[in-house]
C-alpha atoms as a PDB file:
ATOM      1  CA  UNK A   1     -26.037  64.193  60.191  1.00  0.00           C
ATOM      2  CA  UNK A   2     -22.814  62.416  59.251  1.00  0.00           C
ATOM      3  CA  UNK A   3     -22.600  60.695  55.868  1.00  0.00           C
ATOM      4  CA  UNK A   4     -19.217  59.055  56.464  1.00  0.00           C
ATOM      5  CA  UNK A   5     -19.175  55.221  56.527  1.00  0.00           C
ATOM      6  CA  UNK A   6     -18.966  52.812  59.435  1.00  0.00           C
ATOM      7  CA  UNK A   7     -16.023  50.405  59.501  1.00  0.00           C
ATOM      8  CA  UNK A   8     -16.451  46.844  60.760  1.00  0.00           C
ATOM      9  CA  UNK A   9     -13.804  44.157  61.158  1.00  0.00           C
ATOM     10  CA  UNK A  10     -13.508  40.575  62.326  1.00  0.00           C
ATOM     11  CA  UNK A  11     -11.054  37.705  62.086  1.00  0.00           C
ATOM     12  CA  UNK A  12     -13.183  36.168  59.338  1.00  0.00           C
ATOM     13  CA  UNK A  13     -16.780  36.102  58.176  1.00  0.00           C
ATOM     14  CA  UNK A  14     -18.450  36.078  61.577  1.00  0.00           C
ATOM     15  CA  UNK A  15     -18.617  39.857  61.758  1.00  0.00           C
ATOM     16  CA  UNK A  16     -21.036  39.765  58.849  1.00  0.00           C
ATOM     17  CA  UNK A  17     -23.707  38.831  61.401  1.00  0.00           C
ATOM     18  CA  UNK A  18     -23.092  42.268  62.935  1.00  0.00           C
ATOM     19  CA  UNK A  19     -23.249  43.856  59.463  1.00  0.00           C
ATOM     20  CA  UNK A  20     -26.623  42.193  58.976  1.00  0.00           C
ATOM     21  CA  UNK A  21     -27.896  43.802  62.178  1.00  0.00           C
ATOM     22  CA  UNK A  22     -26.377  47.189  61.337  1.00  0.00           C
ATOM     23  CA  UNK A  23     -28.183  47.188  58.006  1.00  0.00           C
ATOM     24  CA  UNK A  24     -31.429  46.204  59.683  1.00  0.00           C
ATOM     25  CA  UNK A  25     -31.188  48.977  62.283  1.00  0.00           C
ATOM     26  CA  UNK A  26     -29.590  51.691  60.117  1.00  0.00           C
ATOM     27  CA  UNK A  27     -30.322  50.988  56.436  1.00  0.00           C
ATOM     28  CA  UNK A  28     -29.099  54.445  55.387  1.00  0.00           C
ATOM     29  CA  UNK A  29     -25.533  53.865  56.567  1.00  0.00           C
ATOM     30  CA  UNK A  30     -22.605  52.989  54.312  1.00  0.00           C
ATOM     31  CA  UNK A  31     -20.552  50.097  55.727  1.00  0.00           C
ATOM     32  CA  UNK A  32     -17.003  48.978  54.977  1.00  0.00           C
ATOM     33  CA  UNK A  33     -16.213  45.470  56.181  1.00  0.00           C
ATOM     34  CA  UNK A  34     -12.885  43.706  56.509  1.00  0.00           C
ATOM     35  CA  UNK A  35     -12.626  39.992  57.269  1.00  0.00           C
ATOM     36  CA  UNK A  36      -9.125  38.690  58.006  1.00  0.00           C
ATOM     37  CA  UNK A  37      -9.834  35.270  56.530  1.00  0.00           C
ATOM     38  CA  UNK A  38      -6.161  34.447  55.890  1.00  0.00           C
ATOM     39  CA  UNK A  39      -5.464  34.505  59.654  1.00  0.00           C
ATOM     40  CA  UNK A  40      -8.740  33.225  61.128  1.00  0.00           C
ATOM     41  CA  UNK A  41      -9.212  32.238  63.906  1.00  0.00           C
ATOM     42  CA  UNK A  42      -7.740  34.833  66.261  1.00  0.00           C
ATOM     43  CA  UNK A  43      -8.990  33.038  69.356  1.00  0.00           C
ATOM     44  CA  UNK A  44      -6.091  30.613  69.640  1.00  0.00           C
ATOM     45  CA  UNK A  45      -3.351  33.283  69.287  1.00  0.00           C
ATOM     46  CA  UNK A  46      -1.309  35.108  71.913  1.00  0.00           C
ATOM     47  CA  UNK A  47      -2.467  38.532  73.064  1.00  0.00           C
ATOM     48  CA  UNK A  48       0.550  40.132  71.382  1.00  0.00           C
ATOM     49  CA  UNK A  49      -0.363  38.584  68.028  1.00  0.00           C
ATOM     50  CA  UNK A  50      -4.035  39.486  68.408  1.00  0.00           C
ATOM     51  CA  UNK A  51      -3.088  43.122  69.103  1.00  0.00           C
ATOM     52  CA  UNK A  52      -0.776  43.202  66.079  1.00  0.00           C
ATOM     53  CA  UNK A  53      -3.545  41.892  63.843  1.00  0.00           C
ATOM     54  CA  UNK A  54      -6.137  44.247  65.357  1.00  0.00           C
ATOM     55  CA  UNK A  55      -3.923  47.268  64.733  1.00  0.00           C
ATOM     56  CA  UNK A  56      -3.429  46.262  61.101  1.00  0.00           C
ATOM     57  CA  UNK A  57      -7.164  45.714  60.649  1.00  0.00           C
ATOM     58  CA  UNK A  58      -7.872  49.110  62.170  1.00  0.00           C
ATOM     59  CA  UNK A  59      -5.252  50.888  60.066  1.00  0.00           C
ATOM     60  CA  UNK A  60      -6.724  49.408  56.913  1.00  0.00           C
ATOM     61  CA  UNK A  61     -10.215  50.601  57.821  1.00  0.00           C
ATOM     62  CA  UNK A  62      -8.878  54.030  58.808  1.00  0.00           C
ATOM     63  CA  UNK A  63      -7.608  54.412  55.230  1.00  0.00           C
ATOM     64  CA  UNK A  64     -11.261  55.266  54.597  1.00  0.00           C
ATOM     65  CA  UNK A  65     -12.818  58.368  56.138  1.00  0.00           C
ATOM     66  CA  UNK A  66     -14.836  56.631  58.848  1.00  0.00           C
ATOM     67  CA  UNK A  67     -17.102  58.020  61.546  1.00  0.00           C
ATOM     68  CA  UNK A  68     -16.957  54.901  63.764  1.00  0.00           C
ATOM     69  CA  UNK A  69     -15.572  51.380  63.964  1.00  0.00           C
ATOM     70  CA  UNK A  70     -17.302  48.246  65.196  1.00  0.00           C
ATOM     71  CA  UNK A  71     -14.956  45.544  66.474  1.00  0.00           C
ATOM     72  CA  UNK A  72     -17.139  42.603  65.458  1.00  0.00           C
ATOM     73  CA  UNK A  73     -14.736  40.174  67.103  1.00  0.00           C
ATOM     74  CA  UNK A  74     -15.029  39.007  70.670  1.00  0.00           C
ATOM     75  CA  UNK A  75     -11.350  38.093  70.829  1.00  0.00           C
ATOM     76  CA  UNK A  76     -10.184  41.592  69.829  1.00  0.00           C
ATOM     77  CA  UNK A  77     -12.877  43.276  71.931  1.00  0.00           C
ATOM     78  CA  UNK A  78     -11.778  41.422  75.045  1.00  0.00           C
ATOM     79  CA  UNK A  79      -8.010  41.722  74.531  1.00  0.00           C
ATOM     80  CA  UNK A  80      -7.240  44.956  72.663  1.00  0.00           C
ATOM     81  CA  UNK A  81      -9.955  47.519  73.350  1.00  0.00           C
ATOM     82  CA  UNK A  82      -7.899  49.797  75.604  1.00  0.00           C
ATOM     83  CA  UNK A  83      -5.090  50.170  73.064  1.00  0.00           C
ATOM     84  CA  UNK A  84      -7.349  50.612  70.050  1.00  0.00           C
ATOM     85  CA  UNK A  85      -9.425  53.313  71.726  1.00  0.00           C
ATOM     86  CA  UNK A  86      -6.295  55.136  72.903  1.00  0.00           C
ATOM     87  CA  UNK A  87      -4.814  55.082  69.397  1.00  0.00           C
ATOM     88  CA  UNK A  88      -7.900  56.216  67.468  1.00  0.00           C
ATOM     89  CA  UNK A  89      -9.890  59.434  67.545  1.00  0.00           C
ATOM     90  CA  UNK A  90     -13.250  58.052  66.406  1.00  0.00           C
ATOM     91  CA  UNK A  91     -15.782  56.013  68.410  1.00  0.00           C
ATOM     92  CA  UNK A  92     -14.984  52.312  68.677  1.00  0.00           C
ATOM     93  CA  UNK A  93     -17.825  49.978  69.601  1.00  0.00           C
ATOM     94  CA  UNK A  94     -17.057  46.480  70.894  1.00  0.00           C
ATOM     95  CA  UNK A  95     -19.143  43.391  71.509  1.00  0.00           C
ATOM     96  CA  UNK A  96     -18.449  42.539  75.159  1.00  0.00           C
ATOM     97  CA  UNK A  97     -20.056  45.377  77.133  1.00  0.00           C
ATOM     98  CA  UNK A  98     -23.363  45.592  75.233  1.00  0.00           C
ATOM     99  CA  UNK A  99     -23.868  41.816  75.326  1.00  0.00           C
ATOM    100  CA  UNK A 100     -23.072  41.633  79.042  1.00  0.00           C
ATOM    101  CA  UNK A 101     -25.558  44.404  79.777  1.00  0.00           C
ATOM    102  CA  UNK A 102     -28.286  42.593  77.840  1.00  0.00           C
ATOM    103  CA  UNK A 103     -27.566  39.278  79.558  1.00  0.00           C
ATOM    104  CA  UNK A 104     -27.734  40.865  83.017  1.00  0.00           C
ATOM    105  CA  UNK A 105     -31.080  42.440  82.114  1.00  0.00           C
ATOM    106  CA  UNK A 106     -32.566  39.218  80.691  1.00  0.00           C
ATOM    107  CA  UNK A 107     -31.564  36.552  83.219  1.00  0.00           C
ATOM    108  CA  UNK A 108     -34.185  35.454  85.720  1.00  0.00           C
ATOM    109  CA  UNK A 109     -32.243  32.956  87.812  1.00  0.00           C
ATOM    110  CA  UNK A 110     -28.991  35.009  87.727  1.00  0.00           C
ATOM    111  CA  UNK A 111     -27.060  32.121  86.173  1.00  0.00           C
ATOM    112  CA  UNK A 112     -25.413  33.238  82.915  1.00  0.00           C
ATOM    113  CA  UNK A 113     -23.319  31.198  80.520  1.00  0.00           C
ATOM    114  CA  UNK A 114     -20.723  32.589  78.126  1.00  0.00           C
ATOM    115  CA  UNK A 115     -19.373  30.761  75.068  1.00  0.00           C
ATOM    116  CA  UNK A 116     -16.491  32.347  73.184  1.00  0.00           C
ATOM    117  CA  UNK A 117     -13.002  31.708  71.842  1.00  0.00           C
ATOM    118  CA  UNK A 118     -10.238  30.540  74.165  1.00  0.00           C
ATOM    119  CA  UNK A 119      -8.570  33.982  74.118  1.00  0.00           C
ATOM    120  CA  UNK A 120     -11.825  35.736  75.002  1.00  0.00           C
ATOM    121  CA  UNK A 121     -12.553  33.397  77.904  1.00  0.00           C
ATOM    122  CA  UNK A 122      -8.948  33.630  79.153  1.00  0.00           C
ATOM    123  CA  UNK A 123      -9.129  37.431  79.157  1.00  0.00           C
ATOM    124  CA  UNK A 124     -11.980  37.342  81.671  1.00  0.00           C
ATOM    125  CA  UNK A 125     -13.654  40.242  79.856  1.00  0.00           C
ATOM    126  CA  UNK A 126     -17.198  38.874  79.943  1.00  0.00           C
ATOM    127  CA  UNK A 127     -16.847  37.597  83.503  1.00  0.00           C
ATOM    128  CA  UNK A 128     -15.538  41.010  84.588  1.00  0.00           C
ATOM    129  CA  UNK A 129     -18.304  42.874  82.746  1.00  0.00           C
ATOM    130  CA  UNK A 130     -20.946  40.661  84.328  1.00  0.00           C
ATOM    131  CA  UNK A 131     -19.181  40.599  87.691  1.00  0.00           C
ATOM    132  CA  UNK A 132     -20.191  44.199  88.332  1.00  0.00           C
ATOM    133  CA  UNK A 133     -23.454  42.699  89.561  1.00  0.00           C
ATOM    134  CA  UNK A 134     -22.593  40.655  92.632  1.00  0.00           C
ATOM    135  CA  UNK A 135     -25.712  38.481  92.465  1.00  0.00           C
ATOM    136  CA  UNK A 136     -24.806  36.951  89.074  1.00  0.00           C
ATOM    137  CA  UNK A 137     -23.116  33.595  88.629  1.00  0.00           C
ATOM    138  CA  UNK A 138     -21.131  33.341  85.386  1.00  0.00           C
ATOM    139  CA  UNK A 139     -20.161  30.043  83.760  1.00  0.00           C
ATOM    140  CA  UNK A 140     -17.694  30.395  80.876  1.00  0.00           C
ATOM    141  CA  UNK A 141     -16.804  27.857  78.228  1.00  0.00           C
ATOM    142  CA  UNK A 142     -14.181  28.172  75.462  1.00  0.00           C
ATOM    143  CA  UNK A 143     -15.341  26.696  72.153  1.00  0.00           C
ATOM    144  CA  UNK A 144     -12.253  26.683  69.900  1.00  0.00           C
ATOM    145  CA  UNK A 145     -13.759  24.530  67.143  1.00  0.00           C
ATOM    146  CA  UNK A 146     -16.858  26.662  66.577  1.00  0.00           C
ATOM    147  CA  UNK A 147     -15.174  29.345  64.437  1.00  0.00           C
ATOM    148  CA  UNK A 148     -13.405  27.044  61.961  1.00  0.00           C
ATOM    149  CA  UNK A 149     -16.535  24.909  61.600  1.00  0.00           C
ATOM    150  CA  UNK A 150     -18.721  27.952  60.931  1.00  0.00           C
ATOM    151  CA  UNK A 151     -16.144  29.283  58.455  1.00  0.00           C
ATOM    152  CA  UNK A 152     -16.554  25.967  56.609  1.00  0.00           C
ATOM    153  CA  UNK A 153     -20.334  26.284  56.619  1.00  0.00           C
ATOM    154  CA  UNK A 154     -20.759  23.418  59.128  1.00  0.00           C
ATOM    155  CA  UNK A 155     -23.354  25.169  61.260  1.00  0.00           C
ATOM    156  CA  UNK A 156     -26.808  23.773  60.513  1.00  0.00           C
ATOM    157  CA  UNK A 157     -28.954  21.399  62.585  1.00  0.00           C
ATOM    158  CA  UNK A 158     -28.567  17.864  61.328  1.00  0.00           C
ATOM    159  CA  UNK A 159     -24.840  18.242  60.672  1.00  0.00           C
ATOM    160  CA  UNK A 160     -23.392  15.464  62.876  1.00  0.00           C
ATOM    161  CA  UNK A 161     -20.018  17.173  63.294  1.00  0.00           C
ATOM    162  CA  UNK A 162     -21.236  20.473  64.704  1.00  0.00           C
ATOM    163  CA  UNK A 163     -23.922  18.768  66.781  1.00  0.00           C
ATOM    164  CA  UNK A 164     -21.361  16.455  68.409  1.00  0.00           C
ATOM    165  CA  UNK A 165     -18.939  19.312  69.137  1.00  0.00           C
ATOM    166  CA  UNK A 166     -21.673  21.611  70.445  1.00  0.00           C
ATOM    167  CA  UNK A 167     -23.101  18.939  72.734  1.00  0.00           C
ATOM    168  CA  UNK A 168     -19.687  18.376  74.322  1.00  0.00           C
ATOM    169  CA  UNK A 169     -19.015  22.095  74.806  1.00  0.00           C
ATOM    170  CA  UNK A 170     -22.465  23.033  76.066  1.00  0.00           C
ATOM    171  CA  UNK A 171     -23.255  20.132  78.388  1.00  0.00           C
ATOM    172  CA  UNK A 172     -21.568  21.750  81.458  1.00  0.00           C
ATOM    173  CA  UNK A 173     -23.504  24.980  80.919  1.00  0.00           C
ATOM    174  CA  UNK A 174     -26.774  23.099  80.628  1.00  0.00           C
ATOM    175  CA  UNK A 175     -25.927  21.083  83.746  1.00  0.00           C
ATOM    176  CA  UNK A 176     -25.296  24.352  85.613  1.00  0.00           C
ATOM    177  CA  UNK A 177     -28.851  25.464  84.805  1.00  0.00           C
ATOM    178  CA  UNK A 178     -27.995  28.733  83.070  1.00  0.00           C
ATOM    179  CA  UNK A 179     -31.060  30.532  81.757  1.00  0.00           C
ATOM    180  CA  UNK A 180     -29.127  33.013  79.591  1.00  0.00           C
ATOM    181  CA  UNK A 181     -26.262  32.251  77.227  1.00  0.00           C
ATOM    182  CA  UNK A 182     -24.032  34.929  75.708  1.00  0.00           C
ATOM    183  CA  UNK A 183     -22.812  34.086  72.209  1.00  0.00           C
ATOM    184  CA  UNK A 184     -19.506  35.851  72.769  1.00  0.00           C
ATOM    185  CA  UNK A 185     -18.246  35.543  69.196  1.00  0.00           C
ATOM    186  CA  UNK A 186     -19.998  36.949  66.137  1.00  0.00           C
ATOM    187  CA  UNK A 187     -19.621  33.612  64.362  1.00  0.00           C
ATOM    188  CA  UNK A 188     -21.863  31.930  66.896  1.00  0.00           C
ATOM    189  CA  UNK A 189     -25.292  33.336  65.849  1.00  0.00           C
ATOM    190  CA  UNK A 190     -24.981  31.014  62.846  1.00  0.00           C
ATOM    191  CA  UNK A 191     -25.082  28.202  65.402  1.00  0.00           C
ATOM    192  CA  UNK A 192     -28.136  29.553  67.220  1.00  0.00           C
ATOM    193  CA  UNK A 193     -30.434  26.744  66.046  1.00  0.00           C
ATOM    194  CA  UNK A 194     -27.922  24.059  67.027  1.00  0.00           C
ATOM    195  CA  UNK A 195     -27.186  25.722  70.368  1.00  0.00           C
ATOM    196  CA  UNK A 196     -30.876  26.306  71.016  1.00  0.00           C
ATOM    197  CA  UNK A 197     -31.691  22.631  70.490  1.00  0.00           C
ATOM    198  CA  UNK A 198     -29.045  21.585  72.997  1.00  0.00           C
ATOM    199  CA  UNK A 199     -29.731  24.246  75.641  1.00  0.00           C
ATOM    200  CA  UNK A 200     -33.507  24.090  75.368  1.00  0.00           C
ATOM    201  CA  UNK A 201     -36.232  26.657  74.686  1.00  0.00           C
ATOM    202  CA  UNK A 202     -36.047  28.304  78.118  1.00  0.00           C
ATOM    203  CA  UNK A 203     -32.479  29.568  77.649  1.00  0.00           C
ATOM    204  CA  UNK A 204     -32.206  33.058  76.139  1.00  0.00           C
ATOM    205  CA  UNK A 205     -29.405  33.445  73.573  1.00  0.00           C
ATOM    206  CA  UNK A 206     -27.657  36.833  73.490  1.00  0.00           C
ATOM    207  CA  UNK A 207     -26.225  37.823  70.084  1.00  0.00           C
ATOM    208  CA  UNK A 208     -23.141  39.937  70.841  1.00  0.00           C
ATOM    209  CA  UNK A 209     -23.000  41.387  67.311  1.00  0.00           C
ATOM    210  CA  UNK A 210     -26.612  42.482  67.436  1.00  0.00           C
ATOM    211  CA  UNK A 211     -26.073  44.150  70.808  1.00  0.00           C
ATOM    212  CA  UNK A 212     -23.030  46.022  69.443  1.00  0.00           C
ATOM    213  CA  UNK A 213     -25.071  47.205  66.458  1.00  0.00           C
ATOM    214  CA  UNK A 214     -27.737  48.506  68.809  1.00  0.00           C
ATOM    215  CA  UNK A 215     -25.114  50.294  70.915  1.00  0.00           C
ATOM    216  CA  UNK A 216     -23.736  52.037  67.834  1.00  0.00           C
ATOM    217  CA  UNK A 217     -27.194  53.103  66.712  1.00  0.00           C
ATOM    218  CA  UNK A 218     -27.800  54.647  70.133  1.00  0.00           C
ATOM    219  CA  UNK A 219     -24.451  56.454  70.079  1.00  0.00           C
ATOM    220  CA  UNK A 220     -24.871  57.887  66.577  1.00  0.00           C
ATOM    221  CA  UNK A 221     -28.403  58.986  67.382  1.00  0.00           C
ATOM    222  CA  UNK A 222     -27.245  60.764  70.548  1.00  0.00           C
ATOM    223  CA  UNK A 223     -24.503  62.507  68.557  1.00  0.00           C
ATOM    224  CA  UNK A 224     -26.894  63.424  65.722  1.00  0.00           C
ATOM    225  CA  UNK A 225     -24.517  61.521  63.441  1.00  0.00           C
ATOM    226  CA  UNK A 226     -26.884  59.160  61.634  1.00  0.00           C
ATOM    227  CA  UNK A 227     -26.670  59.268  57.849  1.00  0.00           C
ATOM    228  CA  UNK A 228     -29.528  60.562  55.738  1.00  0.00           C
ATOM    229  CA  UNK A 229     -29.750  58.842  52.372  1.00  0.00           C
ATOM    230  CA  UNK A 230     -32.290  56.608  50.725  1.00  0.00           C
ATOM    231  CA  UNK A 231     -30.205  53.445  51.002  1.00  0.00           C
ATOM    232  CA  UNK A 232     -26.716  52.759  52.264  1.00  0.00           C
ATOM    233  CA  UNK A 233     -24.075  50.649  50.561  1.00  0.00           C
ATOM    234  CA  UNK A 234     -21.727  47.938  51.777  1.00  0.00           C
ATOM    235  CA  UNK A 235     -18.172  47.229  50.629  1.00  0.00           C
ATOM    236  CA  UNK A 236     -16.331  44.036  51.532  1.00  0.00           C
ATOM    237  CA  UNK A 237     -12.621  43.310  51.808  1.00  0.00           C
ATOM    238  CA  UNK A 238     -10.819  40.112  52.744  1.00  0.00           C
ATOM    239  CA  UNK A 239      -7.219  39.024  53.242  1.00  0.00           C
ATOM    240  CA  UNK A 240      -7.675  35.708  51.433  1.00  0.00           C
ATOM    241  CA  UNK A 241      -9.467  34.542  48.300  1.00  0.00           C
ATOM    242  CA  UNK A 242     -12.424  36.774  47.492  1.00  0.00           C
ATOM    243  CA  UNK A 243     -14.305  33.912  45.831  1.00  0.00           C
ATOM    244  CA  UNK A 244     -14.318  31.917  49.081  1.00  0.00           C
ATOM    245  CA  UNK A 245     -15.513  34.955  51.000  1.00  0.00           C
ATOM    246  CA  UNK A 246     -18.334  35.565  48.550  1.00  0.00           C
ATOM    247  CA  UNK A 247     -19.404  31.916  48.583  1.00  0.00           C
ATOM    248  CA  UNK A 248     -20.124  31.920  52.325  1.00  0.00           C
ATOM    249  CA  UNK A 249     -21.116  35.553  52.835  1.00  0.00           C
ATOM    250  CA  UNK A 250     -24.786  34.986  52.056  1.00  0.00           C
ATOM    251  CA  UNK A 251     -24.962  32.477  54.924  1.00  0.00           C
ATOM    252  CA  UNK A 252     -23.946  35.188  57.399  1.00  0.00           C
ATOM    253  CA  UNK A 253     -25.881  38.048  55.819  1.00  0.00           C
ATOM    254  CA  UNK A 254     -29.128  36.153  55.472  1.00  0.00           C
ATOM    255  CA  UNK A 255     -29.049  36.371  51.673  1.00  0.00           C
ATOM    256  CA  UNK A 256     -30.272  39.951  51.809  1.00  0.00           C
ATOM    257  CA  UNK A 257     -27.261  41.552  50.158  1.00  0.00           C
ATOM    258  CA  UNK A 258     -25.230  40.686  47.058  1.00  0.00           C
ATOM    259  CA  UNK A 259     -21.539  40.485  47.924  1.00  0.00           C
ATOM    260  CA  UNK A 260     -18.585  41.462  45.778  1.00  0.00           C
ATOM    261  CA  UNK A 261     -15.393  41.231  47.815  1.00  0.00           C
ATOM    262  CA  UNK A 262     -11.883  42.493  47.142  1.00  0.00           C
ATOM    263  CA  UNK A 263      -8.745  40.800  48.426  1.00  0.00           C
ATOM    264  CA  UNK A 264      -6.144  43.044  50.061  1.00  0.00           C
ATOM    265  CA  UNK A 265      -2.706  42.530  51.598  1.00  0.00           C
ATOM    266  CA  UNK A 266      -3.372  43.263  55.260  1.00  0.00           C
ATOM    267  CA  UNK A 267       0.329  42.944  56.153  1.00  0.00           C
ATOM    268  CA  UNK A 268       0.931  46.219  54.296  1.00  0.00           C
ATOM    269  CA  UNK A 269      -0.900  48.107  57.069  1.00  0.00           C
END
């Protein structure tokens, strides 16, 4: 048993989809979430800048007595994992490996699509993780407008802006007959209905945040480190206006958790 909290961070609000899954799988755990909303998105930045931001995010979370960290950001997971694990002495769970494993297990025609930020696609992390199986064909597509649109709440079917953008991004993947599509950014599950309409009902969508949450549950269970309390809590921190964070948080959390956020100066870490 380990009662210490779990830390989760993302470039913005997208990581709240992972928080939602963590609370579903492990309702007794305390969670501390940081969303770097003043610097979102990370996906269009250089690797050096992404690593700088990731280290600051991690240092802020480590100011709490954590038992594990979830990098709920595909961009950081694919660009900074080696450094962050070397610099920290607690388990760090990322979103690339678990999602790739699920996609490889689910696909029937061995044709897998990956949508993610430009930095994630450029890193080759998903392609490398899936490339361990030589019979898989991987088709990757950067979707740089998805994160800012989701952060603005433009993510529902019927919204002409997101539907137009998604159709343009996803058409090559549909034309390549993928039967499994990895949502390689934790913002993207909010677009699942839009993406599903475009890709069709026969394409399985892999939620990278949900897979990371499942990987952490497995790890904590194996280490006998799951918390034992009646109900866990969640604390939220942001690097920009707390009111904006709170306004959109329910969209990501599924309206199952009241949110009171606190703004912090992430550059101090």
